[in-house]
Amino acid sequence: MSVLELLTQGDGVSRSVAALLLAMSIASWVVILWKAWLLRGGTRDVLRSIAAFWQSATLADAQQRLQAFDRATLVGPTVSAIRNAAAADAGDSTLGATTGDRNQRLTRALRGALHGALRRLQSGQILLATVGATAPFVGLLGTVWGIYGALSGIAGQTGGFTIDKVAGPVGEALVMTAFGLAVAIPAVLAYNVFGRVIGRIEAELEGFAHDLLGSFGGPPPPAAPPPARPMPVSA
């Protein structure tokens, strides 16, 4: 029995389970194709983008050079955050502005850009993990329900009990388990592969943000001088 026959000829529970598995399969494959396009360059594009940034003379030149390497737009937002923070510091005429304030603004800008890139990388991973973990059990539910219906139908029939009356309905019910596994296996494989690539990219982006903070952040404020000791008074 095919999935189309389950959707058209089965009872309400069988049709619901088959439709749910079909929806899970479509959703997981959409995410798989989208993330494969997003991560098509993998860590190589991130490393080339970071190298192009450090070889640039100015931030404006770096943004232009990144367009040729940063296809997934993962490094570009961090450079834009640096430029915006630098422009804000140049236009800040507050008398109370200190190096610590500048570093805090830069840290917040880098954190926001880094979190935005990480959210893009992690998007869809929860769906793949959910499909991979639940699809076999959804298919097993359809199988159990199909076997129950087949045995109930056989019990109501008259005549002698033969194996062919059981093998056909039970075999059709087992299709649901196979369908559930067919939905789960690609999702699990894609989750593991993408997770490994995402982990490497996250490590490179975090290291890049740390290097930017060390390069563009101001020097630490000078330490306060120790309090002067009172001179001993001779008797």
C-alpha atoms as a PDB file:
ATOM      1  CA  MET A   1       0.000   0.000   0.000  1.00  0.00           C
ATOM      2  CA  SER A   2       1.427   3.381  -0.995  1.00  0.00           C
ATOM      3  CA  VAL A   3       1.212   6.637   0.915  1.00  0.00           C
ATOM      4  CA  LEU A   4      -1.391   7.913  -1.525  1.00  0.00           C
ATOM      5  CA  GLU A   5      -3.563   4.871  -0.844  1.00  0.00           C
ATOM      6  CA  LEU A   6      -3.193   5.416   2.899  1.00  0.00           C
ATOM      7  CA  LEU A   7      -4.369   8.998   2.455  1.00  0.00           C
ATOM      8  CA  THR A   8      -7.364   8.034   0.329  1.00  0.00           C
ATOM      9  CA  GLN A   9      -8.430   4.567   1.492  1.00  0.00           C
ATOM     10  CA  GLY A  10      -7.470   4.412   5.183  1.00  0.00           C
ATOM     11  CA  ASP A  11      -9.628   5.387   8.113  1.00  0.00           C
ATOM     12  CA  GLY A  12      -9.407   8.715   9.918  1.00  0.00           C
ATOM     13  CA  VAL A  13      -6.455   7.795  12.138  1.00  0.00           C
ATOM     14  CA  SER A  14      -4.440   6.267   9.291  1.00  0.00           C
ATOM     15  CA  ARG A  15      -5.066   9.275   7.069  1.00  0.00           C
ATOM     16  CA  SER A  16      -4.091  11.668   9.860  1.00  0.00           C
ATOM     17  CA  VAL A  17      -0.851   9.821  10.586  1.00  0.00           C
ATOM     18  CA  ALA A  18       0.068   9.612   6.896  1.00  0.00           C
ATOM     19  CA  ALA A  19      -0.704  13.306   6.372  1.00  0.00           C
ATOM     20  CA  LEU A  20       1.382  14.236   9.427  1.00  0.00           C
ATOM     21  CA  LEU A  21       4.351  12.211   8.202  1.00  0.00           C
ATOM     22  CA  LEU A  22       4.028  13.735   4.735  1.00  0.00           C
ATOM     23  CA  ALA A  23       4.000  17.253   6.229  1.00  0.00           C
ATOM     24  CA  MET A  24       7.035  16.441   8.390  1.00  0.00           C
ATOM     25  CA  SER A  25       8.891  15.105   5.362  1.00  0.00           C
ATOM     26  CA  ILE A  26       8.157  18.188   3.265  1.00  0.00           C
ATOM     27  CA  ALA A  27       9.132  20.566   6.093  1.00  0.00           C
ATOM     28  CA  SER A  28      12.381  18.736   6.821  1.00  0.00           C
ATOM     29  CA  TRP A  29      13.411  18.648   3.155  1.00  0.00           C
ATOM     30  CA  VAL A  30      12.682  22.360   2.771  1.00  0.00           C
ATOM     31  CA  VAL A  31      14.947  23.067   5.747  1.00  0.00           C
ATOM     32  CA  ILE A  32      17.613  20.665   4.463  1.00  0.00           C
ATOM     33  CA  LEU A  33      17.747  22.316   1.044  1.00  0.00           C
ATOM     34  CA  TRP A  34      17.729  25.829   2.519  1.00  0.00           C
ATOM     35  CA  LYS A  35      20.508  25.099   5.011  1.00  0.00           C
ATOM     36  CA  ALA A  36      22.540  23.304   2.348  1.00  0.00           C
ATOM     37  CA  TRP A  37      22.341  26.503   0.272  1.00  0.00           C
ATOM     38  CA  LEU A  38      23.170  28.690   3.311  1.00  0.00           C
ATOM     39  CA  LEU A  39      26.168  26.564   4.336  1.00  0.00           C
ATOM     40  CA  ARG A  40      27.302  25.726   0.805  1.00  0.00           C
ATOM     41  CA  GLY A  41      30.695  27.325   1.396  1.00  0.00           C
ATOM     42  CA  GLY A  42      31.046  25.986   4.924  1.00  0.00           C
ATOM     43  CA  THR A  43      33.949  27.178   7.016  1.00  0.00           C
ATOM     44  CA  ARG A  44      35.997  28.023   3.914  1.00  0.00           C
ATOM     45  CA  ASP A  45      33.974  31.152   3.098  1.00  0.00           C
ATOM     46  CA  VAL A  46      34.186  32.380   6.685  1.00  0.00           C
ATOM     47  CA  LEU A  47      37.956  31.901   6.793  1.00  0.00           C
ATOM     48  CA  ARG A  48      38.408  33.649   3.438  1.00  0.00           C
ATOM     49  CA  SER A  49      36.179  36.519   4.581  1.00  0.00           C
ATOM     50  CA  ILE A  50      38.151  36.958   7.801  1.00  0.00           C
ATOM     51  CA  ALA A  51      41.442  36.879   5.880  1.00  0.00           C
ATOM     52  CA  ALA A  52      40.115  39.482   3.424  1.00  0.00           C
ATOM     53  CA  PHE A  53      39.099  41.715   6.327  1.00  0.00           C
ATOM     54  CA  TRP A  54      42.520  41.702   7.961  1.00  0.00           C
ATOM     55  CA  GLN A  55      44.186  42.384   4.611  1.00  0.00           C
ATOM     56  CA  SER A  56      42.062  45.500   4.006  1.00  0.00           C
ATOM     57  CA  ALA A  57      43.341  48.974   4.716  1.00  0.00           C
ATOM     58  CA  THR A  58      40.050  50.499   5.909  1.00  0.00           C
ATOM     59  CA  LEU A  59      36.685  49.298   7.158  1.00  0.00           C
ATOM     60  CA  ALA A  60      34.991  50.557   3.998  1.00  0.00           C
ATOM     61  CA  ASP A  61      37.442  48.603   1.853  1.00  0.00           C
ATOM     62  CA  ALA A  62      36.867  45.536   4.020  1.00  0.00           C
ATOM     63  CA  GLN A  63      33.107  45.653   3.464  1.00  0.00           C
ATOM     64  CA  GLN A  64      33.605  45.845  -0.282  1.00  0.00           C
ATOM     65  CA  ARG A  65      36.028  42.925  -0.320  1.00  0.00           C
ATOM     66  CA  LEU A  66      33.752  40.801   1.853  1.00  0.00           C
ATOM     67  CA  GLN A  67      31.031  40.850  -0.802  1.00  0.00           C
ATOM     68  CA  ALA A  68      33.069  38.445  -2.921  1.00  0.00           C
ATOM     69  CA  PHE A  69      33.600  35.897  -0.123  1.00  0.00           C
ATOM     70  CA  ASP A  70      30.841  36.284   2.458  1.00  0.00           C
ATOM     71  CA  ARG A  71      28.036  34.679   0.450  1.00  0.00           C
ATOM     72  CA  ALA A  72      26.015  33.698   3.532  1.00  0.00           C
ATOM     73  CA  THR A  73      26.410  37.196   5.074  1.00  0.00           C
ATOM     74  CA  LEU A  74      27.865  35.899   8.325  1.00  0.00           C
ATOM     75  CA  VAL A  75      30.952  38.106   8.686  1.00  0.00           C
ATOM     76  CA  GLY A  76      29.522  41.260   7.090  1.00  0.00           C
ATOM     77  CA  PRO A  77      27.166  42.204   9.975  1.00  0.00           C
ATOM     78  CA  THR A  78      30.086  42.114  12.398  1.00  0.00           C
ATOM     79  CA  VAL A  79      32.095  44.519  10.233  1.00  0.00           C
ATOM     80  CA  SER A  80      29.047  46.793   9.896  1.00  0.00           C
ATOM     81  CA  ALA A  81      28.707  46.821  13.682  1.00  0.00           C
ATOM     82  CA  ILE A  82      32.362  47.881  13.985  1.00  0.00           C
ATOM     83  CA  ARG A  83      31.844  50.723  11.485  1.00  0.00           C
ATOM     84  CA  ASN A  84      28.705  51.948  13.227  1.00  0.00           C
ATOM     85  CA  ALA A  85      30.401  51.848  16.616  1.00  0.00           C
ATOM     86  CA  ALA A  86      33.413  53.727  15.233  1.00  0.00           C
ATOM     87  CA  ALA A  87      31.142  56.357  13.666  1.00  0.00           C
ATOM     88  CA  ALA A  88      29.267  56.757  16.944  1.00  0.00           C
ATOM     89  CA  ASP A  89      32.550  57.224  18.817  1.00  0.00           C
ATOM     90  CA  ALA A  90      33.747  59.811  16.294  1.00  0.00           C
ATOM     91  CA  GLY A  91      30.565  61.834  16.697  1.00  0.00           C
ATOM     92  CA  ASP A  92      30.405  61.519  20.479  1.00  0.00           C
ATOM     93  CA  SER A  93      31.300  64.845  22.057  1.00  0.00           C
ATOM     94  CA  THR A  94      30.245  63.908  25.578  1.00  0.00           C
ATOM     95  CA  LEU A  95      32.784  65.078  28.081  1.00  0.00           C
ATOM     96  CA  GLY A  96      32.215  62.046  30.269  1.00  0.00           C
ATOM     97  CA  ALA A  97      32.887  59.518  27.509  1.00  0.00           C
ATOM     98  CA  THR A  98      35.691  57.199  28.568  1.00  0.00           C
ATOM     99  CA  THR A  99      37.539  54.261  27.124  1.00  0.00           C
ATOM    100  CA  GLY A 100      35.397  51.922  29.209  1.00  0.00           C
ATOM    101  CA  ASP A 101      32.210  53.389  27.711  1.00  0.00           C
ATOM    102  CA  ARG A 102      33.648  52.925  24.225  1.00  0.00           C
ATOM    103  CA  ASN A 103      34.523  49.321  24.917  1.00  0.00           C
ATOM    104  CA  GLN A 104      31.056  48.624  26.276  1.00  0.00           C
ATOM    105  CA  ARG A 105      29.387  50.059  23.178  1.00  0.00           C
ATOM    106  CA  LEU A 106      31.692  48.054  20.961  1.00  0.00           C
ATOM    107  CA  THR A 107      31.016  44.886  22.951  1.00  0.00           C
ATOM    108  CA  ARG A 108      27.253  45.353  22.673  1.00  0.00           C
ATOM    109  CA  ALA A 109      27.487  45.985  18.921  1.00  0.00           C
ATOM    110  CA  LEU A 110      29.625  42.894  18.357  1.00  0.00           C
ATOM    111  CA  ARG A 111      27.402  40.772  20.565  1.00  0.00           C
ATOM    112  CA  GLY A 112      24.290  41.806  18.643  1.00  0.00           C
ATOM    113  CA  ALA A 113      25.883  41.094  15.249  1.00  0.00           C
ATOM    114  CA  LEU A 114      27.287  37.760  16.433  1.00  0.00           C
ATOM    115  CA  HIS A 115      23.977  36.623  17.918  1.00  0.00           C
ATOM    116  CA  GLY A 116      22.190  37.523  14.690  1.00  0.00           C
ATOM    117  CA  ALA A 117      24.600  35.378  12.656  1.00  0.00           C
ATOM    118  CA  LEU A 118      24.297  32.488  15.117  1.00  0.00           C
ATOM    119  CA  ARG A 119      20.498  32.643  14.982  1.00  0.00           C
ATOM    120  CA  ARG A 120      20.649  32.298  11.214  1.00  0.00           C
ATOM    121  CA  LEU A 121      22.987  29.340  11.517  1.00  0.00           C
ATOM    122  CA  GLN A 122      20.864  27.564  14.133  1.00  0.00           C
ATOM    123  CA  SER A 123      17.507  28.192  12.461  1.00  0.00           C
ATOM    124  CA  GLY A 124      15.857  24.964  11.369  1.00  0.00           C
ATOM    125  CA  GLN A 125      17.992  22.725  13.564  1.00  0.00           C
ATOM    126  CA  ILE A 126      15.199  22.283  16.118  1.00  0.00           C
ATOM    127  CA  LEU A 127      12.784  21.201  13.395  1.00  0.00           C
ATOM    128  CA  LEU A 128      15.246  18.629  12.051  1.00  0.00           C
ATOM    129  CA  ALA A 129      15.877  17.267  15.538  1.00  0.00           C
ATOM    130  CA  THR A 130      12.140  17.084  16.266  1.00  0.00           C
ATOM    131  CA  VAL A 131      11.357  15.294  12.998  1.00  0.00           C
ATOM    132  CA  GLY A 132      14.226  12.864  13.470  1.00  0.00           C
ATOM    133  CA  ALA A 133      13.141  12.026  17.022  1.00  0.00           C
ATOM    134  CA  THR A 134       9.367  11.765  16.530  1.00  0.00           C
ATOM    135  CA  ALA A 135       8.798  10.507  12.979  1.00  0.00           C
ATOM    136  CA  PRO A 136       9.573   6.819  13.805  1.00  0.00           C
ATOM    137  CA  PHE A 137       7.095   6.882  16.688  1.00  0.00           C
ATOM    138  CA  VAL A 138       4.436   8.524  14.546  1.00  0.00           C
ATOM    139  CA  GLY A 139       4.930   5.798  11.942  1.00  0.00           C
ATOM    140  CA  LEU A 140       4.807   3.144  14.677  1.00  0.00           C
ATOM    141  CA  LEU A 141       1.513   4.592  15.869  1.00  0.00           C
ATOM    142  CA  GLY A 142       0.100   4.206  12.369  1.00  0.00           C
ATOM    143  CA  THR A 143       1.381   0.629  12.211  1.00  0.00           C
ATOM    144  CA  VAL A 144      -0.150  -0.319  15.562  1.00  0.00           C
ATOM    145  CA  TRP A 145      -3.460   1.212  14.570  1.00  0.00           C
ATOM    146  CA  GLY A 146      -3.378  -0.521  11.180  1.00  0.00           C
ATOM    147  CA  ILE A 147      -2.632  -3.908  12.740  1.00  0.00           C
ATOM    148  CA  TYR A 148      -5.420  -3.421  15.238  1.00  0.00           C
ATOM    149  CA  GLY A 149      -7.859  -2.593  12.454  1.00  0.00           C
ATOM    150  CA  ALA A 150      -6.678  -5.549  10.361  1.00  0.00           C
ATOM    151  CA  LEU A 151      -7.060  -8.017  13.226  1.00  0.00           C
ATOM    152  CA  SER A 152     -10.477  -6.607  14.095  1.00  0.00           C
ATOM    153  CA  GLY A 153     -11.584  -7.038  10.496  1.00  0.00           C
ATOM    154  CA  ILE A 154     -10.272 -10.598  10.354  1.00  0.00           C
ATOM    155  CA  ALA A 155     -12.018 -11.481  13.622  1.00  0.00           C
ATOM    156  CA  GLY A 156     -15.331 -10.401  12.166  1.00  0.00           C
ATOM    157  CA  GLN A 157     -14.971 -12.524   9.063  1.00  0.00           C
ATOM    158  CA  THR A 158     -16.526 -15.948   8.759  1.00  0.00           C
ATOM    159  CA  GLY A 159     -14.661 -18.983   7.574  1.00  0.00           C
ATOM    160  CA  GLY A 160     -11.402 -20.607   8.459  1.00  0.00           C
ATOM    161  CA  PHE A 161      -8.350 -18.687   9.643  1.00  0.00           C
ATOM    162  CA  THR A 162      -5.520 -18.669   7.082  1.00  0.00           C
ATOM    163  CA  ILE A 163      -2.195 -16.855   6.991  1.00  0.00           C
ATOM    164  CA  ASP A 164      -3.016 -14.982   3.802  1.00  0.00           C
ATOM    165  CA  LYS A 165      -5.870 -13.208   5.572  1.00  0.00           C
ATOM    166  CA  VAL A 166      -3.386 -11.851   8.121  1.00  0.00           C
ATOM    167  CA  ALA A 167      -0.290 -11.249   5.989  1.00  0.00           C
ATOM    168  CA  GLY A 168      -1.909  -8.771   3.607  1.00  0.00           C
ATOM    169  CA  PRO A 169      -3.451  -6.323   6.124  1.00  0.00           C
ATOM    170  CA  VAL A 170      -0.497  -6.538   8.522  1.00  0.00           C
ATOM    171  CA  GLY A 171       1.989  -5.966   5.697  1.00  0.00           C
ATOM    172  CA  GLU A 172       0.052  -2.893   4.611  1.00  0.00           C
ATOM    173  CA  ALA A 173       0.116  -1.582   8.184  1.00  0.00           C
ATOM    174  CA  LEU A 174       3.897  -1.994   8.374  1.00  0.00           C
ATOM    175  CA  VAL A 175       4.247   0.503   5.547  1.00  0.00           C
ATOM    176  CA  MET A 176       3.625   3.248   8.105  1.00  0.00           C
ATOM    177  CA  THR A 177       6.730   2.261  10.074  1.00  0.00           C
ATOM    178  CA  ALA A 178       8.820   2.304   6.902  1.00  0.00           C
ATOM    179  CA  PHE A 179       7.378   5.705   6.019  1.00  0.00           C
ATOM    180  CA  GLY A 180       8.277   7.036   9.471  1.00  0.00           C
ATOM    181  CA  LEU A 181      11.851   5.794   9.148  1.00  0.00           C
ATOM    182  CA  ALA A 182      12.143   7.264   5.659  1.00  0.00           C
ATOM    183  CA  VAL A 183      11.147  10.637   7.087  1.00  0.00           C
ATOM    184  CA  ALA A 184      13.413  10.443  10.159  1.00  0.00           C
ATOM    185  CA  ILE A 185      16.679   9.185   8.656  1.00  0.00           C
ATOM    186  CA  PRO A 186      17.370  12.164   6.316  1.00  0.00           C
ATOM    187  CA  ALA A 187      16.458  14.605   9.097  1.00  0.00           C
ATOM    188  CA  VAL A 188      18.861  12.973  11.563  1.00  0.00           C
ATOM    189  CA  LEU A 189      21.701  12.805   9.048  1.00  0.00           C
ATOM    190  CA  ALA A 190      21.206  16.434   8.022  1.00  0.00           C
ATOM    191  CA  TYR A 191      21.040  17.566  11.667  1.00  0.00           C
ATOM    192  CA  ASN A 192      24.365  15.894  12.461  1.00  0.00           C
ATOM    193  CA  VAL A 193      26.137  17.157   9.330  1.00  0.00           C
ATOM    194  CA  PHE A 194      24.849  20.717   9.671  1.00  0.00           C
ATOM    195  CA  GLY A 195      25.569  20.750  13.397  1.00  0.00           C
ATOM    196  CA  ARG A 196      29.214  19.924  12.789  1.00  0.00           C
ATOM    197  CA  VAL A 197      29.598  22.649  10.154  1.00  0.00           C
ATOM    198  CA  ILE A 198      27.742  25.177  12.311  1.00  0.00           C
ATOM    199  CA  GLY A 199      29.972  24.418  15.291  1.00  0.00           C
ATOM    200  CA  ARG A 200      33.117  25.182  13.290  1.00  0.00           C
ATOM    201  CA  ILE A 201      31.637  28.400  11.896  1.00  0.00           C
ATOM    202  CA  GLU A 202      30.525  29.539  15.353  1.00  0.00           C
ATOM    203  CA  ALA A 203      34.033  29.024  16.710  1.00  0.00           C
ATOM    204  CA  GLU A 204      35.548  31.097  13.873  1.00  0.00           C
ATOM    205  CA  LEU A 205      33.015  33.908  14.286  1.00  0.00           C
ATOM    206  CA  GLU A 206      33.500  34.080  18.043  1.00  0.00           C
ATOM    207  CA  GLY A 207      37.270  34.208  17.614  1.00  0.00           C
ATOM    208  CA  PHE A 208      36.898  36.929  14.982  1.00  0.00           C
ATOM    209  CA  ALA A 209      34.673  39.002  17.263  1.00  0.00           C
ATOM    210  CA  HIS A 210      37.189  38.605  20.097  1.00  0.00           C
ATOM    211  CA  ASP A 211      40.016  39.768  17.821  1.00  0.00           C
ATOM    212  CA  LEU A 212      37.956  42.766  16.694  1.00  0.00           C
ATOM    213  CA  LEU A 213      37.287  43.771  20.271  1.00  0.00           C
ATOM    214  CA  GLY A 214      40.977  43.559  21.054  1.00  0.00           C
ATOM    215  CA  SER A 215      41.972  45.538  17.942  1.00  0.00           C
ATOM    216  CA  PHE A 216      39.354  48.292  17.903  1.00  0.00           C
ATOM    217  CA  GLY A 217      38.684  48.610  21.604  1.00  0.00           C
ATOM    218  CA  GLY A 218      40.554  51.330  23.377  1.00  0.00           C
ATOM    219  CA  PRO A 219      43.332  50.627  25.848  1.00  0.00           C
ATOM    220  CA  PRO A 220      42.234  49.892  29.384  1.00  0.00           C
ATOM    221  CA  PRO A 221      41.878  52.947  31.621  1.00  0.00           C
ATOM    222  CA  PRO A 222      44.951  53.710  33.746  1.00  0.00           C
ATOM    223  CA  ALA A 223      44.917  52.305  37.216  1.00  0.00           C
ATOM    224  CA  ALA A 224      44.286  54.715  40.031  1.00  0.00           C
ATOM    225  CA  PRO A 225      47.456  55.653  41.931  1.00  0.00           C
ATOM    226  CA  PRO A 226      47.766  54.122  45.393  1.00  0.00           C
ATOM    227  CA  PRO A 227      46.803  56.394  48.269  1.00  0.00           C
ATOM    228  CA  ALA A 228      49.674  58.376  49.734  1.00  0.00           C
ATOM    229  CA  ARG A 229      50.915  57.164  53.085  1.00  0.00           C
ATOM    230  CA  PRO A 230      51.156  59.755  55.843  1.00  0.00           C
ATOM    231  CA  MET A 231      54.674  60.738  56.814  1.00  0.00           C
ATOM    232  CA  PRO A 232      55.706  59.524  60.227  1.00  0.00           C
ATOM    233  CA  VAL A 233      55.836  62.278  62.780  1.00  0.00           C
ATOM    234  CA  SER A 234      58.897  62.212  65.013  1.00  0.00           C
ATOM    235  CA  ALA A 235      58.398  62.817  68.711  1.00  0.00           C
END
